[in-house]
C-alpha atoms as a PDB file:
ATOM      1  CA  VAL A   1     -48.167 -31.019 -49.628  1.00  0.00           C
ATOM      2  CA  GLU A   2     -45.263 -33.438 -48.731  1.00  0.00           C
ATOM      3  CA  GLU A   3     -42.994 -31.227 -51.015  1.00  0.00           C
ATOM      4  CA  ASP A   4     -43.931 -28.355 -49.049  1.00  0.00           C
ATOM      5  CA  LEU A   5     -43.626 -30.246 -45.628  1.00  0.00           C
ATOM      6  CA  GLU A   6     -40.419 -31.439 -46.877  1.00  0.00           C
ATOM      7  CA  ALA A   7     -39.348 -27.741 -47.695  1.00  0.00           C
ATOM      8  CA  PHE A   8     -40.563 -26.880 -44.412  1.00  0.00           C
ATOM      9  CA  ALA A   9     -38.736 -29.734 -42.738  1.00  0.00           C
ATOM     10  CA  GLN A  10     -35.548 -28.377 -44.229  1.00  0.00           C
ATOM     11  CA  ALA A  11     -36.144 -24.712 -43.134  1.00  0.00           C
ATOM     12  CA  VAL A  12     -36.828 -25.715 -39.623  1.00  0.00           C
ATOM     13  CA  ALA A  13     -33.719 -27.822 -39.472  1.00  0.00           C
ATOM     14  CA  ALA A  14     -31.458 -25.154 -41.465  1.00  0.00           C
ATOM     15  CA  SER A  15     -33.125 -22.481 -39.253  1.00  0.00           C
ATOM     16  CA  GLU A  16     -31.855 -25.082 -36.223  1.00  0.00           C
ATOM     17  CA  LYS A  17     -28.257 -24.793 -37.734  1.00  0.00           C
ATOM     18  CA  VAL A  18     -28.103 -21.165 -38.033  1.00  0.00           C
ATOM     19  CA  MET A  19     -29.492 -20.429 -34.192  1.00  0.00           C
ATOM     20  CA  GLU A  20     -27.522 -23.273 -32.832  1.00  0.00           C
ATOM     21  CA  ALA A  21     -24.235 -21.361 -34.462  1.00  0.00           C
ATOM     22  CA  LYS A  22     -25.619 -17.998 -33.295  1.00  0.00           C
ATOM     23  CA  PHE A  23     -25.615 -19.300 -29.835  1.00  0.00           C
ATOM     24  CA  LEU A  24     -22.246 -21.029 -30.088  1.00  0.00           C
ATOM     25  CA  GLU A  25     -21.119 -17.332 -31.192  1.00  0.00           C
ATOM     26  CA  MET A  26     -22.850 -16.060 -28.118  1.00  0.00           C
ATOM     27  CA  GLN A  27     -22.000 -18.576 -25.530  1.00  0.00           C
ATOM     28  CA  THR A  28     -17.669 -18.080 -26.483  1.00  0.00           C
ATOM     29  CA  LYS A  29     -17.866 -14.122 -26.851  1.00  0.00           C
ATOM     30  CA  THR A  30     -19.654 -14.273 -23.305  1.00  0.00           C
ATOM     31  CA  GLU A  31     -17.304 -16.927 -21.922  1.00  0.00           C
ATOM     32  CA  GLY A  32     -13.882 -14.511 -23.265  1.00  0.00           C
ATOM     33  CA  ILE A  33     -15.932 -11.217 -21.603  1.00  0.00           C
ATOM     34  CA  VAL A  34     -16.068 -13.550 -18.559  1.00  0.00           C
ATOM     35  CA  ARG A  35     -12.595 -14.608 -18.741  1.00  0.00           C
ATOM     36  CA  ARG A  36     -11.156 -10.793 -19.329  1.00  0.00           C
ATOM     37  CA  LEU A  37     -13.466  -9.679 -16.388  1.00  0.00           C
ATOM     38  CA  LEU A  38     -11.892 -12.154 -13.990  1.00  0.00           C
ATOM     39  CA  GLY A  39      -8.611 -11.098 -15.372  1.00  0.00           C
ATOM     40  CA  GLN A  40      -9.156  -7.617 -14.755  1.00  0.00           C
ATOM     41  CA  ILE A  41     -10.780  -8.300 -10.868  1.00  0.00           C
ATOM     42  CA  SER A  42      -7.199 -10.321 -10.178  1.00  0.00           C
ATOM     43  CA  ASP A  43      -5.198  -7.437 -11.232  1.00  0.00           C
ATOM     44  CA  LEU A  44      -7.442  -5.247  -9.134  1.00  0.00           C
ATOM     45  CA  GLN A  45      -6.922  -7.494  -6.350  1.00  0.00           C
ATOM     46  CA  GLN A  46      -3.291  -7.609  -6.683  1.00  0.00           C
ATOM     47  CA  ASP A  47      -2.836  -3.537  -6.990  1.00  0.00           C
ATOM     48  CA  LEU A  48      -5.152  -3.390  -3.933  1.00  0.00           C
ATOM     49  CA  VAL A  49      -2.599  -6.076  -2.052  1.00  0.00           C
ATOM     50  CA  ARG A  50       0.015  -3.610  -3.366  1.00  0.00           C
ATOM     51  CA  ALA A  51      -1.604  -0.460  -2.102  1.00  0.00           C
ATOM     52  CA  ASP A  52      -2.394  -1.797   1.485  1.00  0.00           C
ATOM     53  CA  THR A  53       1.369  -2.611   1.964  1.00  0.00           C
ATOM     54  CA  GLN A  54       2.623   0.385   0.724  1.00  0.00           C
ATOM     55  CA  VAL A  55       0.215   1.948   2.929  1.00  0.00           C
ATOM     56  CA  LYS A  56       1.614   0.200   5.811  1.00  0.00           C
ATOM     57  CA  VAL A  57       5.125   0.707   4.788  1.00  0.00           C
ATOM     58  CA  ALA A  58       4.202   4.353   4.754  1.00  0.00           C
ATOM     59  CA  SER A  59       2.689   4.226   8.115  1.00  0.00           C
ATOM     60  CA  GLU A  60       5.699   2.652   9.669  1.00  0.00           C
ATOM     61  CA  ALA A  61       8.246   4.952   8.247  1.00  0.00           C
ATOM     62  CA  ARG A  62       6.170   7.845   9.211  1.00  0.00           C
ATOM     63  CA  ALA A  63       5.673   6.661  12.774  1.00  0.00           C
ATOM     64  CA  ALA A  64       9.820   5.995  12.577  1.00  0.00           C
ATOM     65  CA  ALA A  65      10.361   9.666  11.409  1.00  0.00           C
ATOM     66  CA  GLU A  66       7.352  11.139  14.149  1.00  0.00           C
ATOM     67  CA  SER A  67       9.638   9.114  16.612  1.00  0.00           C
ATOM     68  CA  SER A  68      13.049   9.951  15.516  1.00  0.00           C
ATOM     69  CA  LEU A  69      11.929  13.546  15.404  1.00  0.00           C
ATOM     70  CA  ARG A  70      10.452  13.727  19.267  1.00  0.00           C
ATOM     71  CA  ASP A  71      14.256  11.892  20.016  1.00  0.00           C
ATOM     72  CA  LEU A  72      15.822  14.984  18.057  1.00  0.00           C
ATOM     73  CA  SER A  73      13.609  17.820  19.816  1.00  0.00           C
ATOM     74  CA  GLY A  74      14.549  16.329  23.267  1.00  0.00           C
ATOM     75  CA  GLN A  75      18.434  16.327  22.528  1.00  0.00           C
ATOM     76  CA  LEU A  76      17.637  19.930  21.539  1.00  0.00           C
ATOM     77  CA  GLY A  77      15.701  20.761  24.530  1.00  0.00           C
ATOM     78  CA  ASN A  78      18.498  18.856  26.513  1.00  0.00           C
ATOM     79  CA  ARG A  79      21.332  20.657  24.482  1.00  0.00           C
ATOM     80  CA  ALA A  80      19.664  23.982  25.310  1.00  0.00           C
ATOM     81  CA  THR A  81      19.656  23.796  28.912  1.00  0.00           C
ATOM     82  CA  LEU A  82      23.265  22.477  29.140  1.00  0.00           C
ATOM     83  CA  ASN A  83      24.211  25.255  27.211  1.00  0.00           C
ATOM     84  CA  GLY A  84      22.112  27.712  29.751  1.00  0.00           C
ATOM     85  CA  VAL A  85      23.542  25.545  32.801  1.00  0.00           C
ATOM     86  CA  VAL A  86      27.315  26.229  31.361  1.00  0.00           C
ATOM     87  CA  ARG A  87      26.960  30.001  30.552  1.00  0.00           C
ATOM     88  CA  SER A  88      25.207  30.623  34.065  1.00  0.00           C
ATOM     89  CA  THR A  89      28.118  28.740  35.835  1.00  0.00           C
ATOM     90  CA  PRO A  90      31.388  29.825  37.079  1.00  0.00           C
ATOM     91  CA  GLU A  91      34.399  29.927  34.537  1.00  0.00           C
ATOM     92  CA  SER A  92      36.609  27.834  37.150  1.00  0.00           C
ATOM     93  CA  ASP A  93      33.433  25.228  37.309  1.00  0.00           C
ATOM     94  CA  ALA A  94      32.841  25.297  33.609  1.00  0.00           C
ATOM     95  CA  PRO A  95      34.731  22.761  32.623  1.00  0.00           C
ATOM     96  CA  SER A  96      33.927  19.653  34.998  1.00  0.00           C
ATOM     97  CA  LEU A  97      30.564  20.457  35.026  1.00  0.00           C
ATOM     98  CA  LYS A  98      30.307  20.517  31.817  1.00  0.00           C
ATOM     99  CA  GLN A  99      31.579  17.211  31.080  1.00  0.00           C
ATOM    100  CA  GLU A 100      29.480  15.573  34.145  1.00  0.00           C
ATOM    101  CA  LEU A 101      26.139  17.044  31.885  1.00  0.00           C
ATOM    102  CA  GLU A 102      27.442  15.514  28.581  1.00  0.00           C
ATOM    103  CA  SER A 103      28.140  12.309  29.947  1.00  0.00           C
ATOM    104  CA  ALA A 104      24.536  12.413  31.933  1.00  0.00           C
ATOM    105  CA  LEU A 105      23.435  13.557  28.046  1.00  0.00           C
ATOM    106  CA  ARG A 106      24.893  10.459  26.617  1.00  0.00           C
ATOM    107  CA  GLU A 107      23.471   7.819  29.121  1.00  0.00           C
ATOM    108  CA  ARG A 108      20.071   9.296  28.663  1.00  0.00           C
ATOM    109  CA  ALA A 109      20.066   9.278  24.938  1.00  0.00           C
ATOM    110  CA  LYS A 110      21.613   5.518  25.033  1.00  0.00           C
ATOM    111  CA  ASP A 111      18.296   4.766  27.699  1.00  0.00           C
ATOM    112  CA  GLN A 112      15.963   6.023  25.006  1.00  0.00           C
END
């Protein structure tokens, strides 16, 4: 009986060592998985920050482009008006009127 108890105690001790080794192995694997996931989360956060910055830059560029287009559209409209006025002005008055209108147009463009 004592031999059986001793064998049983050795079997239990060996089983405990196996279980402990398996537990440590699983713990190590789990820690590795958690580290990889945390690294991926960090990478994704950085990607989000970069994407957000790119969206802001693109939005600002679009607003600037739209503003420039509005300015150009206004200038083209002013040119069309200027050309219409010059065409309808008698030839003798045209040079001075054209200079006066172009000067006013330049001043207006500076103000914008």
